[in-house]
Structure formats: structure tokens, C-alpha cells
Amino acid sequence: MEIRRATVADARALAGMRAQSSYERKGGDASVRDAYALTCAAFFESELRNPQTFLRSWVAVVDGSIVGGASLTVVPTLPRYGAAFSGFDGRVRDVYVAEGFRRRGIARALMAVVVEAAKSERIDRLALGASEMGAPLYLSIGFQYKRDEMVYVGT
């Protein structure tokens, strides 16, 4: 297995994994998944082309095929009380491994690269949303639940 930084050529693979992950968690019509994958592909192509992008992405390759991926978004932030300040927050996104390759350490290897990148960029806070399947991995590498965060879902 090889973990490498994603390029524009990987945009469709990253988009497909993002769409499949959502489809596996939320269900629904496959045509919605496929349309979402096209929207995501345009996004990844644009951002991976942009040298100033807020997005960092990696892919896991086994026998020449992309079987997993992960992304890190880096955004400016405010200082936090009692914490060192570099000015940036990170959010882990789209950690995904194809079904036939799960439970082989691929997600753990992807996360090691993401965490190292966050450290090298001196990110103040690294956060993620965890699925039920992913939570044990994230807990084992040092993530903790934060109970005071809410998400606005209104229009």
C-alpha cells in the first residue's frame, strides 16, 4: 500500500469515495449519489489545481488502484482561551476505504498522514465528524468527543 498526496488526476476517485460514503451512511437513490459525485469531481478538480487551496487530500493505492482517501481542510481561526495560537483550524474530511479493503489498516495509515500534516502546518485544532464505524479508530489515535458543539440545519 502507498499513501500519496492527491493530484488533479485523482479528483474523480476522491469524488466517488465522498459520494459513496454519503450513500452508505444515508441511503437513498443511486442517481442522487451519481449526481453528487459529479458535483464533487468538479470541486476536487478545481481545488486540487489551485496552489492556494484550503484543501489537502491523500489517496491510498493498492496494486495501482485507489482504494481509500482522506482530506484535510485548513481555515483561519480565532485564538482559543488557554491555547497556543497559529491562526488555523483543520477539519478531517472524507476518510474512506473501499469495502473490500477495510480493516487492513488503510484508514489508520491515512489518518497518520493527515495528523502529521496538521502538525507540520501547526494547526491549532483538528476536528472531524465520526461515523459509528470510524469512531473507534479516531478514539484510538487521540481524538475525543466534544459535547458542546451544535450544527445549524435551518434554511
Protein backbone atom coordinates (compact mmCIF):
# COMPACT_ATOMS: atom_id res chain seq x y z
CA MET A 1 0.00 0.00 0.00
CA GLU A 2 1.13 3.53 -0.78
CA ILE A 3 -0.31 6.74 0.67
CA ARG A 4 0.39 9.75 -1.51
CA ARG A 5 -0.79 13.33 -1.91
CA ALA A 6 -3.73 13.54 -4.31
CA THR A 7 -3.39 15.27 -7.66
CA VAL A 8 -5.94 16.63 -10.12
CA ALA A 9 -5.88 13.21 -11.79
CA ASP A 10 -7.32 11.76 -8.54
CA ALA A 11 -10.28 14.15 -8.39
CA ARG A 12 -12.85 11.68 -9.75
CA ALA A 13 -11.68 8.94 -7.38
CA LEU A 14 -11.93 11.29 -4.38
CA ALA A 15 -15.36 12.44 -5.54
CA GLY A 16 -16.56 8.87 -5.99
CA MET A 17 -15.43 7.93 -2.49
CA ARG A 18 -17.10 11.02 -0.97
CA ALA A 19 -20.36 10.21 -2.77
CA GLN A 20 -20.21 6.51 -1.87
CA SER A 21 -19.52 7.31 1.78
CA SER A 22 -22.61 9.53 1.93
CA TYR A 23 -24.66 6.91 0.12
CA GLU A 24 -23.58 4.19 2.56
CA ARG A 25 -24.45 6.34 5.58
CA LYS A 26 -27.65 7.97 4.32
CA GLY A 27 -29.01 5.61 1.68
CA GLY A 28 -31.35 6.89 -0.98
CA ASP A 29 -31.41 6.73 -4.73
CA ALA A 30 -28.21 5.79 -6.58
CA SER A 31 -28.92 8.51 -9.15
CA VAL A 32 -28.59 11.12 -6.37
CA ARG A 33 -25.24 9.59 -5.40
CA ASP A 34 -24.07 9.71 -9.01
CA ALA A 35 -25.10 13.35 -9.49
CA TYR A 36 -23.39 14.23 -6.21
CA ALA A 37 -20.21 12.51 -7.41
CA LEU A 38 -20.16 14.75 -10.49
CA THR A 39 -20.55 17.87 -8.35
CA CYS A 40 -17.77 16.65 -6.05
CA ALA A 41 -15.50 15.86 -9.00
CA ALA A 42 -15.75 19.44 -10.28
CA PHE A 43 -14.96 20.69 -6.77
CA PHE A 44 -11.92 18.43 -6.29
CA GLU A 45 -10.61 19.22 -9.79
CA SER A 46 -10.81 22.95 -9.08
CA GLU A 47 -9.28 22.81 -5.60
CA LEU A 48 -6.50 20.36 -6.44
CA ARG A 49 -5.49 22.66 -9.32
CA ASN A 50 -5.32 25.69 -7.01
CA PRO A 51 -1.93 26.13 -5.27
CA GLN A 52 -3.60 28.38 -2.67
CA THR A 53 -6.36 25.92 -1.80
CA PHE A 54 -7.63 25.26 1.71
CA LEU A 55 -7.81 21.55 0.82
CA ARG A 56 -5.16 18.88 1.28
CA SER A 57 -6.06 15.37 0.09
CA TRP A 58 -4.37 11.98 0.04
CA VAL A 59 -5.14 8.66 -1.59
CA ALA A 60 -4.31 5.09 -0.61
CA VAL A 61 -3.17 2.98 -3.54
CA VAL A 62 -3.04 -0.83 -3.60
CA ASP A 63 -1.80 -2.64 -6.70
CA GLY A 64 -2.19 0.53 -8.77
CA SER A 65 -5.79 1.21 -7.72
CA ILE A 66 -7.05 3.94 -5.42
CA VAL A 67 -8.83 2.16 -2.57
CA GLY A 68 -9.07 4.94 0.01
CA GLY A 69 -8.72 8.62 0.61
CA ALA A 70 -8.78 11.37 3.18
CA SER A 71 -8.82 15.14 3.13
CA LEU A 72 -7.90 17.96 5.47
CA THR A 73 -9.37 21.44 5.22
CA VAL A 74 -7.38 24.30 6.72
CA VAL A 75 -9.15 27.54 7.63
CA PRO A 76 -8.22 30.70 9.53
CA THR A 77 -9.47 30.81 13.11
CA LEU A 78 -9.61 32.92 16.25
CA PRO A 79 -7.39 32.43 19.30
CA ARG A 80 -8.70 29.98 21.91
CA TYR A 81 -8.56 30.64 25.62
CA GLY A 82 -5.54 28.96 27.23
CA ALA A 83 -4.14 27.51 23.99
CA ALA A 84 -1.21 28.26 21.70
CA PHE A 85 -2.22 30.12 18.56
CA SER A 86 -1.06 29.66 14.99
CA GLY A 87 -4.20 31.00 13.37
CA PHE A 88 -5.55 27.88 11.67
CA ASP A 89 -8.06 25.13 12.35
CA GLY A 90 -8.17 21.84 10.50
CA ARG A 91 -11.06 19.55 9.77
CA VAL A 92 -10.58 15.97 8.65
CA ARG A 93 -12.96 15.11 5.83
CA ASP A 94 -13.77 12.15 3.64
CA VAL A 95 -11.81 9.37 5.30
CA TYR A 96 -12.98 6.45 3.22
CA VAL A 97 -11.77 2.96 2.32
CA ALA A 98 -13.46 0.79 -0.31
CA GLU A 99 -15.46 -2.04 1.18
CA GLY A 100 -13.18 -4.88 0.08
CA PHE A 101 -10.14 -3.18 1.66
CA ARG A 102 -11.50 -2.28 5.09
CA ARG A 103 -9.99 -3.49 8.38
CA ARG A 104 -6.49 -3.66 6.89
CA GLY A 105 -5.01 -0.52 8.46
CA ILE A 106 -5.59 1.72 5.45
CA ALA A 107 -7.74 4.29 7.28
CA ARG A 108 -5.21 4.32 10.15
CA ALA A 109 -2.37 4.96 7.67
CA LEU A 110 -4.37 7.75 6.02
CA MET A 111 -5.07 9.33 9.40
CA ALA A 112 -1.38 9.17 10.36
CA VAL A 113 -0.57 11.23 7.26
CA VAL A 114 -3.39 13.69 7.95
CA VAL A 115 -2.37 14.19 11.60
CA GLU A 116 1.27 14.66 10.62
CA ALA A 117 0.29 17.25 8.01
CA ALA A 118 -1.79 19.10 10.61
CA LYS A 119 1.17 19.11 13.00
CA SER A 120 3.56 20.34 10.32
CA GLU A 121 1.16 23.18 9.47
CA ARG A 122 0.85 24.00 13.20
CA ILE A 123 -2.94 23.68 13.12
CA ASP A 124 -4.43 24.80 16.46
CA ARG A 125 -7.40 22.44 16.49
CA LEU A 126 -8.09 19.34 14.44
CA ALA A 127 -11.70 18.15 14.31
CA LEU A 128 -13.77 15.59 12.45
CA GLY A 129 -17.21 14.08 12.27
CA ALA A 130 -17.10 10.38 13.08
CA SER A 131 -19.35 7.65 11.78
CA GLU A 132 -20.14 4.76 14.08
CA MET A 133 -17.67 2.63 12.09
CA GLY A 134 -14.87 5.22 12.23
CA ALA A 135 -15.20 6.38 15.85
CA PRO A 136 -13.12 3.57 17.42
CA LEU A 137 -10.19 4.37 15.11
CA TYR A 138 -10.33 8.10 15.87
CA LEU A 139 -10.56 7.49 19.61
CA SER A 140 -7.56 5.14 19.44
CA ILE A 141 -5.35 7.81 17.85
CA GLY A 142 -6.22 10.59 20.27
CA PHE A 143 -9.47 12.23 19.17
CA GLN A 144 -12.10 12.89 21.84
CA TYR A 145 -15.79 13.65 21.74
CA LYS A 146 -16.71 17.30 22.25
CA ARG A 147 -20.18 17.64 23.67
CA ASP A 148 -20.79 21.39 23.34
CA GLU A 149 -20.90 21.73 19.56
CA MET A 150 -24.09 22.16 17.58
CA VAL A 151 -24.86 22.44 13.87
CA TYR A 152 -27.49 24.76 12.41
CA VAL A 153 -29.80 22.93 10.00
CA GLY A 154 -32.35 25.65 9.29
CA THR A 155 -32.83 27.39 6.00
